[in-house]
């Protein structure tokens, strides 16, 4: 079963291919997903790496947590499940005030 890892403190110039090559030293990499800013397309400095086997993910954490890659010390840990984002209407983003109605 695939195991997802969080990889942080990446240099902004690191590519998905470079990260895949690095993590393949620990085992088979299923997927690499760099997280980018939606407006600029630039890296946010972290990524997720999916390893094929849990044992390979454990080995990758041991090998690369604290490892210096492109002059940055990597942070590698188990990825946490993504939080659900609730839907928010216009007023809830503006302090929750009910505009247009009297408060009295």
PDB file of N, CA and C in Angstrom:
ATOM      1  N   UNK A   1       0.839  -1.182   0.000  1.00  0.00           N
ATOM      2  CA  UNK A   1       0.000   0.000   0.000  1.00  0.00           C
ATOM      3  C   UNK A   1       0.882   1.243   0.000  1.00  0.00           C
ATOM      4  N   UNK A   2       0.541   2.226  -0.814  1.00  0.00           N
ATOM      5  CA  UNK A   2       1.332   3.450  -0.937  1.00  0.00           C
ATOM      6  C   UNK A   2       1.265   4.260   0.356  1.00  0.00           C
ATOM      7  N   UNK A   3       2.354   4.946   0.655  1.00  0.00           N
ATOM      8  CA  UNK A   3       2.460   5.768   1.848  1.00  0.00           C
ATOM      9  C   UNK A   3       2.876   7.173   1.438  1.00  0.00           C
ATOM     10  N   UNK A   4       2.113   8.182   1.858  1.00  0.00           N
ATOM     11  CA  UNK A   4       2.377   9.563   1.470  1.00  0.00           C
ATOM     12  C   UNK A   4       3.226  10.261   2.518  1.00  0.00           C
ATOM     13  N   UNK A   5       4.270  10.949   2.034  1.00  0.00           N
ATOM     14  CA  UNK A   5       5.171  11.710   2.887  1.00  0.00           C
ATOM     15  C   UNK A   5       5.073  13.198   2.566  1.00  0.00           C
ATOM     16  N   UNK A   6       5.218  14.012   3.596  1.00  0.00           N
ATOM     17  CA  UNK A   6       5.338  15.460   3.454  1.00  0.00           C
ATOM     18  C   UNK A   6       6.825  15.778   3.369  1.00  0.00           C
ATOM     19  N   UNK A   7       7.214  16.609   2.412  1.00  0.00           N
ATOM     20  CA  UNK A   7       8.608  17.039   2.278  1.00  0.00           C
ATOM     21  C   UNK A   7       8.613  18.564   2.297  1.00  0.00           C
ATOM     22  N   UNK A   8       9.202  19.138   3.329  1.00  0.00           N
ATOM     23  CA  UNK A   8       9.205  20.586   3.491  1.00  0.00           C
ATOM     24  C   UNK A   8      10.601  21.171   3.472  1.00  0.00           C
ATOM     25  N   UNK A   9      10.632  22.505   3.485  1.00  0.00           N
ATOM     26  CA  UNK A   9      11.859  23.299   3.441  1.00  0.00           C
ATOM     27  C   UNK A   9      12.640  23.066   2.148  1.00  0.00           C
ATOM     28  N   UNK A  10      11.893  22.891   1.060  1.00  0.00           N
ATOM     29  CA  UNK A  10      12.528  22.709  -0.246  1.00  0.00           C
ATOM     30  C   UNK A  10      12.982  24.036  -0.820  1.00  0.00           C
ATOM     31  N   UNK A  11      14.096  24.004  -1.512  1.00  0.00           N
ATOM     32  CA  UNK A  11      14.506  25.186  -2.282  1.00  0.00           C
ATOM     33  C   UNK A  11      13.437  25.413  -3.359  1.00  0.00           C
ATOM     34  N   UNK A  12      13.148  26.654  -3.666  1.00  0.00           N
ATOM     35  CA  UNK A  12      12.082  26.968  -4.618  1.00  0.00           C
ATOM     36  C   UNK A  12      12.408  26.523  -6.038  1.00  0.00           C
ATOM     37  N   UNK A  13      13.656  26.168  -6.279  1.00  0.00           N
ATOM     38  CA  UNK A  13      14.069  25.741  -7.619  1.00  0.00           C
ATOM     39  C   UNK A  13      13.976  24.230  -7.827  1.00  0.00           C
ATOM     40  N   UNK A  14      13.671  23.464  -6.783  1.00  0.00           N
ATOM     41  CA  UNK A  14      13.597  22.001  -6.888  1.00  0.00           C
ATOM     42  C   UNK A  14      12.413  21.616  -7.780  1.00  0.00           C
ATOM     43  N   UNK A  15      12.667  20.648  -8.670  1.00  0.00           N
ATOM     44  CA  UNK A  15      11.602  20.157  -9.557  1.00  0.00           C
ATOM     45  C   UNK A  15      11.067  18.824  -9.032  1.00  0.00           C
ATOM     46  N   UNK A  16       9.895  18.438  -9.533  1.00  0.00           N
ATOM     47  CA  UNK A  16       9.323  17.144  -9.172  1.00  0.00           C
ATOM     48  C   UNK A  16      10.260  16.010  -9.584  1.00  0.00           C
ATOM     49  N   UNK A  17      10.879  16.131 -10.757  1.00  0.00           N
ATOM     50  CA  UNK A  17      11.778  15.087 -11.246  1.00  0.00           C
ATOM     51  C   UNK A  17      12.998  14.944 -10.335  1.00  0.00           C
ATOM     52  N   UNK A  18      13.575  16.057  -9.888  1.00  0.00           N
ATOM     53  CA  UNK A  18      14.731  15.992  -8.984  1.00  0.00           C
ATOM     54  C   UNK A  18      14.352  15.337  -7.659  1.00  0.00           C
ATOM     55  N   UNK A  19      13.173  15.677  -7.150  1.00  0.00           N
ATOM     56  CA  UNK A  19      12.718  15.097  -5.892  1.00  0.00           C
ATOM     57  C   UNK A  19      12.456  13.599  -6.056  1.00  0.00           C
ATOM     58  N   UNK A  20      11.887  13.215  -7.192  1.00  0.00           N
ATOM     59  CA  UNK A  20      11.650  11.797  -7.463  1.00  0.00           C
ATOM     60  C   UNK A  20      12.971  11.030  -7.506  1.00  0.00           C
ATOM     61  N   UNK A  21      13.950  11.567  -8.199  1.00  0.00           N
ATOM     62  CA  UNK A  21      15.259  10.912  -8.281  1.00  0.00           C
ATOM     63  C   UNK A  21      15.884  10.754  -6.904  1.00  0.00           C
ATOM     64  N   UNK A  22      15.767  11.765  -6.066  1.00  0.00           N
ATOM     65  CA  UNK A  22      16.324  11.695  -4.718  1.00  0.00           C
ATOM     66  C   UNK A  22      15.642  10.594  -3.917  1.00  0.00           C
ATOM     67  N   UNK A  23      14.314  10.584  -3.904  1.00  0.00           N
ATOM     68  CA  UNK A  23      13.582   9.636  -3.068  1.00  0.00           C
ATOM     69  C   UNK A  23      13.642   8.210  -3.602  1.00  0.00           C
ATOM     70  N   UNK A  24      13.936   8.034  -4.876  1.00  0.00           N
ATOM     71  CA  UNK A  24      14.087   6.686  -5.419  1.00  0.00           C
ATOM     72  C   UNK A  24      15.291   5.961  -4.838  1.00  0.00           C
ATOM     73  N   UNK A  25      16.171   6.690  -4.165  1.00  0.00           N
ATOM     74  CA  UNK A  25      17.282   6.047  -3.456  1.00  0.00           C
ATOM     75  C   UNK A  25      16.762   5.196  -2.292  1.00  0.00           C
ATOM     76  N   UNK A  26      15.548   5.511  -1.819  1.00  0.00           N
ATOM     77  CA  UNK A  26      14.949   4.767  -0.705  1.00  0.00           C
ATOM     78  C   UNK A  26      13.977   3.698  -1.182  1.00  0.00           C
ATOM     79  N   UNK A  27      13.514   3.787  -2.434  1.00  0.00           N
ATOM     80  CA  UNK A  27      12.553   2.814  -2.941  1.00  0.00           C
ATOM     81  C   UNK A  27      11.747   3.372  -4.099  1.00  0.00           C
ATOM     82  N   UNK A  28      10.729   2.636  -4.480  1.00  0.00           N
ATOM     83  CA  UNK A  28       9.897   2.995  -5.634  1.00  0.00           C
ATOM     84  C   UNK A  28       8.983   4.163  -5.287  1.00  0.00           C
ATOM     85  N   UNK A  29       9.072   5.228  -6.082  1.00  0.00           N
ATOM     86  CA  UNK A  29       8.235   6.410  -5.896  1.00  0.00           C
ATOM     87  C   UNK A  29       7.031   6.307  -6.831  1.00  0.00           C
ATOM     88  N   UNK A  30       5.855   6.390  -6.257  1.00  0.00           N
ATOM     89  CA  UNK A  30       4.615   6.324  -7.030  1.00  0.00           C
ATOM     90  C   UNK A  30       4.259   7.689  -7.625  1.00  0.00           C
ATOM     91  N   UNK A  31       4.417   8.753  -6.819  1.00  0.00           N
ATOM     92  CA  UNK A  31       3.967  10.078  -7.243  1.00  0.00           C
ATOM     93  C   UNK A  31       4.720  11.155  -6.475  1.00  0.00           C
ATOM     94  N   UNK A  32       5.009  12.268  -7.160  1.00  0.00           N
ATOM     95  CA  UNK A  32       5.560  13.460  -6.512  1.00  0.00           C
ATOM     96  C   UNK A  32       4.663  14.622  -6.905  1.00  0.00           C
ATOM     97  N   UNK A  33       4.211  15.386  -5.907  1.00  0.00           N
ATOM     98  CA  UNK A  33       3.345  16.529  -6.173  1.00  0.00           C
ATOM     99  C   UNK A  33       3.907  17.760  -5.468  1.00  0.00           C
ATOM    100  N   UNK A  34       4.509  18.661  -6.261  1.00  0.00           N
ATOM    101  CA  UNK A  34       4.988  19.934  -5.720  1.00  0.00           C
ATOM    102  C   UNK A  34       3.780  20.833  -5.511  1.00  0.00           C
ATOM    103  N   UNK A  35       3.751  21.547  -4.420  1.00  0.00           N
ATOM    104  CA  UNK A  35       2.656  22.461  -4.140  1.00  0.00           C
ATOM    105  C   UNK A  35       3.064  23.854  -4.607  1.00  0.00           C
ATOM    106  N   UNK A  36       2.216  24.440  -5.442  1.00  0.00           N
ATOM    107  CA  UNK A  36       2.520  25.741  -6.033  1.00  0.00           C
ATOM    108  C   UNK A  36       1.441  26.759  -5.701  1.00  0.00           C
ATOM    109  N   UNK A  37       1.817  28.006  -5.768  1.00  0.00           N
ATOM    110  CA  UNK A  37       0.884  29.110  -5.577  1.00  0.00           C
ATOM    111  C   UNK A  37      -0.049  29.163  -6.783  1.00  0.00           C
ATOM    112  N   UNK A  38      -1.339  29.230  -6.542  1.00  0.00           N
ATOM    113  CA  UNK A  38      -2.297  29.224  -7.653  1.00  0.00           C
ATOM    114  C   UNK A  38      -2.228  30.484  -8.503  1.00  0.00           C
ATOM    115  N   UNK A  39      -1.816  31.579  -7.918  1.00  0.00           N
ATOM    116  CA  UNK A  39      -1.762  32.841  -8.666  1.00  0.00           C
ATOM    117  C   UNK A  39      -0.485  32.956  -9.507  1.00  0.00           C
ATOM    118  N   UNK A  40       0.645  32.561  -8.932  1.00  0.00           N
ATOM    119  CA  UNK A  40       1.929  32.773  -9.617  1.00  0.00           C
ATOM    120  C   UNK A  40       2.489  31.499 -10.250  1.00  0.00           C
ATOM    121  N   UNK A  41       2.042  30.335  -9.773  1.00  0.00           N
ATOM    122  CA  UNK A  41       2.589  29.077 -10.265  1.00  0.00           C
ATOM    123  C   UNK A  41       3.941  28.729  -9.654  1.00  0.00           C
ATOM    124  N   UNK A  42       4.439  29.573  -8.751  1.00  0.00           N
ATOM    125  CA  UNK A  42       5.735  29.322  -8.118  1.00  0.00           C
ATOM    126  C   UNK A  42       5.589  28.338  -6.963  1.00  0.00           C
ATOM    127  N   UNK A  43       6.654  27.597  -6.697  1.00  0.00           N
ATOM    128  CA  UNK A  43       6.677  26.622  -5.611  1.00  0.00           C
ATOM    129  C   UNK A  43       6.440  27.303  -4.275  1.00  0.00           C
ATOM    130  N   UNK A  44       5.733  26.582  -3.388  1.00  0.00           N
ATOM    131  CA  UNK A  44       5.549  27.067  -2.017  1.00  0.00           C
ATOM    132  C   UNK A  44       6.602  26.490  -1.076  1.00  0.00           C
ATOM    133  N   UNK A  45       7.514  25.663  -1.608  1.00  0.00           N
ATOM    134  CA  UNK A  45       8.603  25.143  -0.793  1.00  0.00           C
ATOM    135  C   UNK A  45       8.303  23.824  -0.112  1.00  0.00           C
ATOM    136  N   UNK A  46       7.203  23.160  -0.521  1.00  0.00           N
ATOM    137  CA  UNK A  46       6.947  21.837   0.013  1.00  0.00           C
ATOM    138  C   UNK A  46       6.263  20.969  -1.030  1.00  0.00           C
ATOM    139  N   UNK A  47       6.280  19.668  -0.767  1.00  0.00           N
ATOM    140  CA  UNK A  47       5.732  18.707  -1.722  1.00  0.00           C
ATOM    141  C   UNK A  47       5.251  17.473  -0.973  1.00  0.00           C
ATOM    142  N   UNK A  48       4.574  16.602  -1.704  1.00  0.00           N
ATOM    143  CA  UNK A  48       4.167  15.308  -1.185  1.00  0.00           C
ATOM    144  C   UNK A  48       4.764  14.238  -2.084  1.00  0.00           C
ATOM    145  N   UNK A  49       5.312  13.213  -1.464  1.00  0.00           N
ATOM    146  CA  UNK A  49       5.916  12.095  -2.186  1.00  0.00           C
ATOM    147  C   UNK A  49       5.197  10.829  -1.735  1.00  0.00           C
ATOM    148  N   UNK A  50       4.696  10.059  -2.692  1.00  0.00           N
ATOM    149  CA  UNK A  50       4.069   8.778  -2.375  1.00  0.00           C
ATOM    150  C   UNK A  50       5.037   7.664  -2.715  1.00  0.00           C
ATOM    151  N   UNK A  51       5.352   6.873  -1.700  1.00  0.00           N
ATOM    152  CA  UNK A  51       6.219   5.714  -1.865  1.00  0.00           C
ATOM    153  C   UNK A  51       5.335   4.480  -2.011  1.00  0.00           C
ATOM    154  N   UNK A  52       5.809   3.492  -2.770  1.00  0.00           N
ATOM    155  CA  UNK A  52       5.020   2.288  -3.024  1.00  0.00           C
ATOM    156  C   UNK A  52       4.749   1.479  -1.752  1.00  0.00           C
ATOM    157  N   UNK A  53       5.741   1.353  -0.903  1.00  0.00           N
ATOM    158  CA  UNK A  53       5.626   0.501   0.281  1.00  0.00           C
ATOM    159  C   UNK A  53       5.887   1.302   1.552  1.00  0.00           C
ATOM    160  N   UNK A  54       5.222   0.922   2.614  1.00  0.00           N
ATOM    161  CA  UNK A  54       5.394   1.607   3.894  1.00  0.00           C
ATOM    162  C   UNK A  54       6.843   1.512   4.395  1.00  0.00           C
ATOM    163  N   UNK A  55       7.466   0.379   4.189  1.00  0.00           N
ATOM    164  CA  UNK A  55       8.863   0.196   4.607  1.00  0.00           C
ATOM    165  C   UNK A  55       9.783   1.161   3.850  1.00  0.00           C
ATOM    166  N   UNK A  56       9.507   1.380   2.570  1.00  0.00           N
ATOM    167  CA  UNK A  56      10.305   2.319   1.770  1.00  0.00           C
ATOM    168  C   UNK A  56      10.090   3.752   2.252  1.00  0.00           C
ATOM    169  N   UNK A  57       8.867   4.065   2.649  1.00  0.00           N
ATOM    170  CA  UNK A  57       8.575   5.404   3.183  1.00  0.00           C
ATOM    171  C   UNK A  57       9.330   5.626   4.491  1.00  0.00           C
ATOM    172  N   UNK A  58       9.346   4.607   5.354  1.00  0.00           N
ATOM    173  CA  UNK A  58      10.087   4.712   6.612  1.00  0.00           C
ATOM    174  C   UNK A  58      11.568   4.940   6.343  1.00  0.00           C
ATOM    175  N   UNK A  59      12.102   4.207   5.372  1.00  0.00           N
ATOM    176  CA  UNK A  59      13.512   4.350   5.007  1.00  0.00           C
ATOM    177  C   UNK A  59      13.780   5.760   4.465  1.00  0.00           C
ATOM    178  N   UNK A  60      12.869   6.286   3.638  1.00  0.00           N
ATOM    179  CA  UNK A  60      13.023   7.634   3.081  1.00  0.00           C
ATOM    180  C   UNK A  60      13.026   8.684   4.191  1.00  0.00           C
ATOM    181  N   UNK A  61      12.146   8.521   5.183  1.00  0.00           N
ATOM    182  CA  UNK A  61      12.128   9.464   6.312  1.00  0.00           C
ATOM    183  C   UNK A  61      13.461   9.447   7.044  1.00  0.00           C
ATOM    184  N   UNK A  62      13.978   8.255   7.299  1.00  0.00           N
ATOM    185  CA  UNK A  62      15.266   8.138   7.995  1.00  0.00           C
ATOM    186  C   UNK A  62      16.401   8.740   7.177  1.00  0.00           C
ATOM    187  N   UNK A  63      16.389   8.498   5.868  1.00  0.00           N
ATOM    188  CA  UNK A  63      17.472   8.974   5.003  1.00  0.00           C
ATOM    189  C   UNK A  63      17.436  10.479   4.778  1.00  0.00           C
ATOM    190  N   UNK A  64      16.234  11.048   4.629  1.00  0.00           N
ATOM    191  CA  UNK A  64      16.144  12.415   4.126  1.00  0.00           C
ATOM    192  C   UNK A  64      15.640  13.468   5.104  1.00  0.00           C
ATOM    193  N   UNK A  65      15.129  13.084   6.264  1.00  0.00           N
ATOM    194  CA  UNK A  65      14.756  14.102   7.247  1.00  0.00           C
ATOM    195  C   UNK A  65      16.042  14.707   7.797  1.00  0.00           C
ATOM    196  N   UNK A  66      16.246  15.989   7.579  1.00  0.00           N
ATOM    197  CA  UNK A  66      17.473  16.667   7.984  1.00  0.00           C
ATOM    198  C   UNK A  66      18.565  16.640   6.929  1.00  0.00           C
ATOM    199  N   UNK A  67      18.321  15.969   5.824  1.00  0.00           N
ATOM    200  CA  UNK A  67      19.288  15.856   4.718  1.00  0.00           C
ATOM    201  C   UNK A  67      19.393  17.195   3.990  1.00  0.00           C
ATOM    202  N   UNK A  68      20.605  17.615   3.688  1.00  0.00           N
ATOM    203  CA  UNK A  68      20.797  18.869   2.964  1.00  0.00           C
ATOM    204  C   UNK A  68      20.702  18.612   1.468  1.00  0.00           C
ATOM    205  N   UNK A  69      19.734  19.279   0.834  1.00  0.00           N
ATOM    206  CA  UNK A  69      19.482  19.149  -0.592  1.00  0.00           C
ATOM    207  C   UNK A  69      19.329  20.549  -1.166  1.00  0.00           C
ATOM    208  N   UNK A  70      20.206  20.887  -2.091  1.00  0.00           N
ATOM    209  CA  UNK A  70      20.237  22.233  -2.684  1.00  0.00           C
ATOM    210  C   UNK A  70      20.319  23.310  -1.597  1.00  0.00           C
ATOM    211  N   UNK A  71      21.238  23.076  -0.654  1.00  0.00           N
ATOM    212  CA  UNK A  71      21.560  24.016   0.413  1.00  0.00           C
ATOM    213  C   UNK A  71      20.429  24.244   1.418  1.00  0.00           C
ATOM    214  N   UNK A  72      19.447  23.327   1.476  1.00  0.00           N
ATOM    215  CA  UNK A  72      18.350  23.422   2.448  1.00  0.00           C
ATOM    216  C   UNK A  72      18.231  22.087   3.174  1.00  0.00           C
ATOM    217  N   UNK A  73      18.018  22.120   4.487  1.00  0.00           N
ATOM    218  CA  UNK A  73      17.800  20.899   5.266  1.00  0.00           C
ATOM    219  C   UNK A  73      16.332  20.501   5.137  1.00  0.00           C
ATOM    220  N   UNK A  74      16.109  19.336   4.536  1.00  0.00           N
ATOM    221  CA  UNK A  74      14.746  18.864   4.307  1.00  0.00           C
ATOM    222  C   UNK A  74      14.054  18.458   5.601  1.00  0.00           C
ATOM    223  N   UNK A  75      12.749  18.629   5.606  1.00  0.00           N
ATOM    224  CA  UNK A  75      11.878  18.123   6.662  1.00  0.00           C
ATOM    225  C   UNK A  75      11.015  17.060   6.004  1.00  0.00           C
ATOM    226  N   UNK A  76      11.127  15.821   6.479  1.00  0.00           N
ATOM    227  CA  UNK A  76      10.357  14.719   5.902  1.00  0.00           C
ATOM    228  C   UNK A  76       9.590  14.035   7.022  1.00  0.00           C
ATOM    229  N   UNK A  77       8.273  13.912   6.828  1.00  0.00           N
ATOM    230  CA  UNK A  77       7.428  13.287   7.838  1.00  0.00           C
ATOM    231  C   UNK A  77       6.219  12.670   7.153  1.00  0.00           C
ATOM    232  N   UNK A  78       5.465  11.876   7.899  1.00  0.00           N
ATOM    233  CA  UNK A  78       4.227  11.322   7.354  1.00  0.00           C
ATOM    234  C   UNK A  78       3.288  12.472   7.027  1.00  0.00           C
ATOM    235  N   UNK A  79       2.619  12.379   5.883  1.00  0.00           N
ATOM    236  CA  UNK A  79       1.638  13.398   5.518  1.00  0.00           C
ATOM    237  C   UNK A  79       0.398  13.204   6.372  1.00  0.00           C
ATOM    238  N   UNK A  80      -0.171  14.306   6.825  1.00  0.00           N
ATOM    239  CA  UNK A  80      -1.423  14.243   7.579  1.00  0.00           C
ATOM    240  C   UNK A  80      -2.575  14.329   6.597  1.00  0.00           C
ATOM    241  N   UNK A  81      -3.717  13.755   6.953  1.00  0.00           N
ATOM    242  CA  UNK A  81      -4.882  13.869   6.056  1.00  0.00           C
ATOM    243  C   UNK A  81      -5.272  15.328   5.872  1.00  0.00           C
ATOM    244  N   UNK A  82      -5.721  15.647   4.676  1.00  0.00           N
ATOM    245  CA  UNK A  82      -6.120  17.017   4.370  1.00  0.00           C
ATOM    246  C   UNK A  82      -7.396  17.354   5.127  1.00  0.00           C
ATOM    247  N   UNK A  83      -7.422  18.542   5.726  1.00  0.00           N
ATOM    248  CA  UNK A  83      -8.614  18.989   6.443  1.00  0.00           C
ATOM    249  C   UNK A  83      -9.710  19.322   5.450  1.00  0.00           C
ATOM    250  N   UNK A  84     -10.940  19.038   5.832  1.00  0.00           N
ATOM    251  CA  UNK A  84     -12.063  19.424   4.982  1.00  0.00           C
ATOM    252  C   UNK A  84     -12.257  20.919   5.089  1.00  0.00           C
ATOM    253  N   UNK A  85     -12.519  21.501   3.960  1.00  0.00           N
ATOM    254  CA  UNK A  85     -12.785  22.940   3.944  1.00  0.00           C
ATOM    255  C   UNK A  85     -14.290  23.142   3.860  1.00  0.00           C
ATOM    256  N   UNK A  86     -14.813  23.849   4.801  1.00  0.00           N
ATOM    257  CA  UNK A  86     -16.238  24.136   4.802  1.00  0.00           C
ATOM    258  C   UNK A  86     -16.565  25.225   3.799  1.00  0.00           C
ATOM    259  N   UNK A  87     -17.788  25.207   3.317  1.00  0.00           N
ATOM    260  CA  UNK A  87     -18.195  26.278   2.403  1.00  0.00           C
ATOM    261  C   UNK A  87     -18.470  27.524   3.230  1.00  0.00           C
ATOM    262  N   UNK A  88     -18.051  28.643   2.708  1.00  0.00           N
ATOM    263  CA  UNK A  88     -18.248  29.916   3.402  1.00  0.00           C
ATOM    264  C   UNK A  88     -18.944  30.869   2.459  1.00  0.00           C
ATOM    265  N   UNK A  89     -19.948  31.542   2.978  1.00  0.00           N
ATOM    266  CA  UNK A  89     -20.603  32.532   2.141  1.00  0.00           C
ATOM    267  C   UNK A  89     -19.899  33.874   2.300  1.00  0.00           C
ATOM    268  N   UNK A  90     -20.314  34.840   1.555  1.00  0.00           N
ATOM    269  CA  UNK A  90     -19.672  36.151   1.525  1.00  0.00           C
ATOM    270  C   UNK A  90     -19.612  36.787   2.902  1.00  0.00           C
ATOM    271  N   UNK A  91     -20.711  36.752   3.645  1.00  0.00           N
ATOM    272  CA  UNK A  91     -20.743  37.412   4.941  1.00  0.00           C
ATOM    273  C   UNK A  91     -19.826  36.743   5.962  1.00  0.00           C
ATOM    274  N   UNK A  92     -19.666  35.421   5.909  1.00  0.00           N
ATOM    275  CA  UNK A  92     -18.821  34.759   6.900  1.00  0.00           C
ATOM    276  C   UNK A  92     -17.361  35.137   6.737  1.00  0.00           C
ATOM    277  N   UNK A  93     -16.966  35.533   5.546  1.00  0.00           N
ATOM    278  CA  UNK A  93     -15.582  35.965   5.332  1.00  0.00           C
ATOM    279  C   UNK A  93     -15.372  37.401   5.784  1.00  0.00           C
ATOM    280  N   UNK A  94     -16.427  38.087   6.034  1.00  0.00           N
ATOM    281  CA  UNK A  94     -16.335  39.497   6.401  1.00  0.00           C
ATOM    282  C   UNK A  94     -16.759  39.701   7.848  1.00  0.00           C
ATOM    283  N   UNK A  95     -16.391  38.771   8.694  1.00  0.00           N
ATOM    284  CA  UNK A  95     -16.663  38.925  10.110  1.00  0.00           C
ATOM    285  C   UNK A  95     -17.999  38.357  10.539  1.00  0.00           C
ATOM    286  N   UNK A  96     -18.755  37.763   9.633  1.00  0.00           N
ATOM    287  CA  UNK A  96     -19.987  37.110   9.991  1.00  0.00           C
ATOM    288  C   UNK A  96     -21.153  38.045  10.235  1.00  0.00           C
ATOM    289  N   UNK A  97     -20.990  39.301   9.960  1.00  0.00           N
ATOM    290  CA  UNK A  97     -22.077  40.246  10.195  1.00  0.00           C
ATOM    291  C   UNK A  97     -23.164  40.062   9.163  1.00  0.00           C
ATOM    292  N   UNK A  98     -24.379  40.200   9.596  1.00  0.00           N
ATOM    293  CA  UNK A  98     -25.526  40.076   8.715  1.00  0.00           C
ATOM    294  C   UNK A  98     -25.824  41.453   8.142  1.00  0.00           C
ATOM    295  N   UNK A  99     -25.323  41.734   6.998  1.00  0.00           N
ATOM    296  CA  UNK A  99     -25.449  43.053   6.387  1.00  0.00           C
ATOM    297  C   UNK A  99     -26.877  43.302   5.919  1.00  0.00           C
ATOM    298  N   UNK A 100     -27.317  44.508   6.113  1.00  0.00           N
ATOM    299  CA  UNK A 100     -28.633  44.907   5.615  1.00  0.00           C
ATOM    300  C   UNK A 100     -29.761  44.685   6.607  1.00  0.00           C
ATOM    301  N   UNK A 101     -29.492  44.019   7.708  1.00  0.00           N
ATOM    302  CA  UNK A 101     -30.525  43.813   8.717  1.00  0.00           C
ATOM    303  C   UNK A 101     -30.148  44.569   9.971  1.00  0.00           C
ATOM    304  N   UNK A 102     -31.152  45.029  10.644  1.00  0.00           N
ATOM    305  CA  UNK A 102     -30.930  45.753  11.876  1.00  0.00           C
ATOM    306  C   UNK A 102     -30.452  44.795  12.957  1.00  0.00           C
ATOM    307  N   UNK A 103     -29.589  45.263  13.803  1.00  0.00           N
ATOM    308  CA  UNK A 103     -29.097  44.437  14.907  1.00  0.00           C
ATOM    309  C   UNK A 103     -30.032  44.519  16.108  1.00  0.00           C
ATOM    310  N   UNK A 104     -31.081  45.332  16.039  1.00  0.00           N
ATOM    311  CA  UNK A 104     -31.972  45.538  17.196  1.00  0.00           C
ATOM    312  C   UNK A 104     -33.300  44.917  16.983  1.00  0.00           C
TER     313      UNK A 104
END
